[in-house]
Each structure stands twice: as C-alpha cells, then as structure tokens.
C-alpha atoms as a PDB file:
ATOM      1  CA  MET A   1      -7.653  13.550   3.965  1.00  0.00           C
ATOM      2  CA  LYS A   2      -4.935  12.755   6.153  1.00  0.00           C
ATOM      3  CA  SER A   3      -1.854  11.371   4.553  1.00  0.00           C
ATOM      4  CA  PHE A   4       1.237   8.992   5.538  1.00  0.00           C
ATOM      5  CA  PRO A   5       4.827   7.884   4.581  1.00  0.00           C
ATOM      6  CA  LEU A   6       4.225   4.795   1.999  1.00  0.00           C
ATOM      7  CA  THR A   7       7.442   3.591   0.164  1.00  0.00           C
ATOM      8  CA  VAL A   8       6.817   0.829  -2.142  1.00  0.00           C
ATOM      9  CA  VAL A   9      10.083  -1.521  -3.255  1.00  0.00           C
ATOM     10  CA  THR A  10      10.096  -3.892  -6.014  1.00  0.00           C
ATOM     11  CA  PRO A  11      12.658  -6.140  -7.181  1.00  0.00           C
ATOM     12  CA  ASP A  12      12.833  -3.533  -9.700  1.00  0.00           C
ATOM     13  CA  GLY A  13      13.407  -1.017  -7.485  1.00  0.00           C
ATOM     14  CA  MET A  14      12.148   2.056  -5.683  1.00  0.00           C
ATOM     15  CA  GLN A  15       8.271   2.294  -7.304  1.00  0.00           C
ATOM     16  CA  PHE A  16       7.427   5.145  -4.663  1.00  0.00           C
ATOM     17  CA  ASP A  17       7.978   6.730  -1.947  1.00  0.00           C
ATOM     18  CA  GLY A  18       6.024   9.619  -0.571  1.00  0.00           C
ATOM     19  CA  GLN A  19       2.805  10.880   1.262  1.00  0.00           C
ATOM     20  CA  ALA A  20      -0.317   9.267   0.124  1.00  0.00           C
ATOM     21  CA  GLU A  21      -4.289   9.572   1.521  1.00  0.00           C
ATOM     22  CA  GLU A  22      -5.034   5.166   0.735  1.00  0.00           C
ATOM     23  CA  ILE A  23      -2.937   2.097   0.184  1.00  0.00           C
ATOM     24  CA  ILE A  24      -5.644  -0.703  -1.210  1.00  0.00           C
ATOM     25  CA  VAL A  25      -3.789  -4.001  -2.294  1.00  0.00           C
ATOM     26  CA  ARG A  26      -5.284  -7.444  -2.207  1.00  0.00           C
ATOM     27  CA  THR A  27      -3.376 -10.105   0.423  1.00  0.00           C
ATOM     28  CA  THR A  28      -4.217 -13.452   0.508  1.00  0.00           C
ATOM     29  CA  THR A  29      -7.274 -13.606   2.787  1.00  0.00           C
ATOM     30  CA  GLY A  30      -9.132 -10.205   0.575  1.00  0.00           C
ATOM     31  CA  ASP A  31      -8.386  -6.570   0.392  1.00  0.00           C
ATOM     32  CA  LEU A  32      -7.059  -4.576   2.464  1.00  0.00           C
ATOM     33  CA  ALA A  33      -7.212  -0.568   2.739  1.00  0.00           C
ATOM     34  CA  VAL A  34      -4.921   1.385   5.060  1.00  0.00           C
ATOM     35  CA  LEU A  35      -5.146   5.105   5.966  1.00  0.00           C
ATOM     36  CA  ALA A  36      -3.397   7.408   8.172  1.00  0.00           C
ATOM     37  CA  ASN A  37      -3.287   6.045  11.855  1.00  0.00           C
ATOM     38  CA  HIS A  38      -4.010   2.431  10.793  1.00  0.00           C
ATOM     39  CA  CYS A  39      -3.165  -0.246  13.034  1.00  0.00           C
ATOM     40  CA  ASN A  40       0.202  -1.952  12.797  1.00  0.00           C
ATOM     41  CA  CYS A  41       0.084  -5.073  10.665  1.00  0.00           C
ATOM     42  CA  VAL A  42       1.605  -7.112   8.341  1.00  0.00           C
ATOM     43  CA  ALA A  43      -0.052  -8.395   5.807  1.00  0.00           C
ATOM     44  CA  PRO A  44       0.786 -11.306   2.370  1.00  0.00           C
ATOM     45  CA  LEU A  45       0.210 -10.236  -0.417  1.00  0.00           C
ATOM     46  CA  GLY A  46      -1.708 -11.686  -3.026  1.00  0.00           C
ATOM     47  CA  MET A  47      -2.196 -11.704  -6.646  1.00  0.00           C
ATOM     48  CA  GLY A  48      -4.185  -8.567  -7.542  1.00  0.00           C
ATOM     49  CA  GLN A  49      -4.161  -4.590  -8.109  1.00  0.00           C
ATOM     50  CA  ALA A  50      -2.274  -2.184  -5.741  1.00  0.00           C
ATOM     51  CA  THR A  51      -3.676   1.185  -5.522  1.00  0.00           C
ATOM     52  CA  ILE A  52      -2.404   3.900  -3.865  1.00  0.00           C
ATOM     53  CA  VAL A  53      -3.850   7.460  -3.433  1.00  0.00           C
ATOM     54  CA  ALA A  54      -1.567  10.012  -3.090  1.00  0.00           C
ATOM     55  CA  ASP A  55      -2.602  14.165  -3.960  1.00  0.00           C
ATOM     56  CA  GLY A  56      -5.712  13.695  -5.061  1.00  0.00           C
ATOM     57  CA  LYS A  57      -5.155  11.320  -7.501  1.00  0.00           C
ATOM     58  CA  LYS A  58      -5.122   7.314  -8.214  1.00  0.00           C
ATOM     59  CA  MET A  59      -1.926   5.743  -9.189  1.00  0.00           C
ATOM     60  CA  THR A  60      -2.331   1.176 -10.064  1.00  0.00           C
ATOM     61  CA  ALA A  61      -0.428  -1.751 -10.845  1.00  0.00           C
ATOM     62  CA  ALA A  62      -0.412  -5.039 -10.485  1.00  0.00           C
ATOM     63  CA  CYS A  63       0.961  -6.599  -7.362  1.00  0.00           C
ATOM     64  CA  ILE A  64       1.756 -10.400  -7.680  1.00  0.00           C
ATOM     65  CA  GLY A  65       2.603 -11.538  -4.475  1.00  0.00           C
ATOM     66  CA  GLY A  66       5.022  -9.835  -1.325  1.00  0.00           C
ATOM     67  CA  ILE A  67       4.539  -8.254   2.428  1.00  0.00           C
ATOM     68  CA  LEU A  68       2.238  -4.918   3.377  1.00  0.00           C
ATOM     69  CA  SER A  69       3.870  -3.499   6.693  1.00  0.00           C
ATOM     70  CA  VAL A  70       2.657  -0.849   9.062  1.00  0.00           C
ATOM     71  CA  LEU A  71       4.053   0.249  11.367  1.00  0.00           C
ATOM     72  CA  ASN A  72       3.469   3.511  14.127  1.00  0.00           C
ATOM     73  CA  GLY A  73      -0.253   4.366  12.625  1.00  0.00           C
END
C-alpha cells in the first residue's frame, strides 16, 4: 500500500512523525479514513479511537477532540 507523511501532535508533544499507509479517526460527523493521495480537507475530531497503519502494523490511541488537516494529498 502507498504511504504518506503523517505527523500527530498532542498537547503532550509529538506522538508520531513518519510514513503511514492509513489513518482512521472519528470526526464530529462520523469516521474518516485517509489514504495516500486523499483530497485536501480539514475536519474537527470527535471522541473515539484513532488508528494509524504504518509498516503494516496498527497503532491505536484514544482521541478526544482536535483537528485533522490533509494537505497536498
């Protein structure tokens, strides 16, 4: 699967900075999955689970709000 650069920053600092194949998050209007070459968008995050797939491995974390920004695919 094609990868893209992903940075995840929280109030506690940088949590992830590298290449990812997919990120799945809960927005205020439902779940959103982002793959490489996704259209540009900004979405407010809701309360739920965030999942990152990197190097074929899944990482999950709790997410309680924030902003998702996709730029340049």
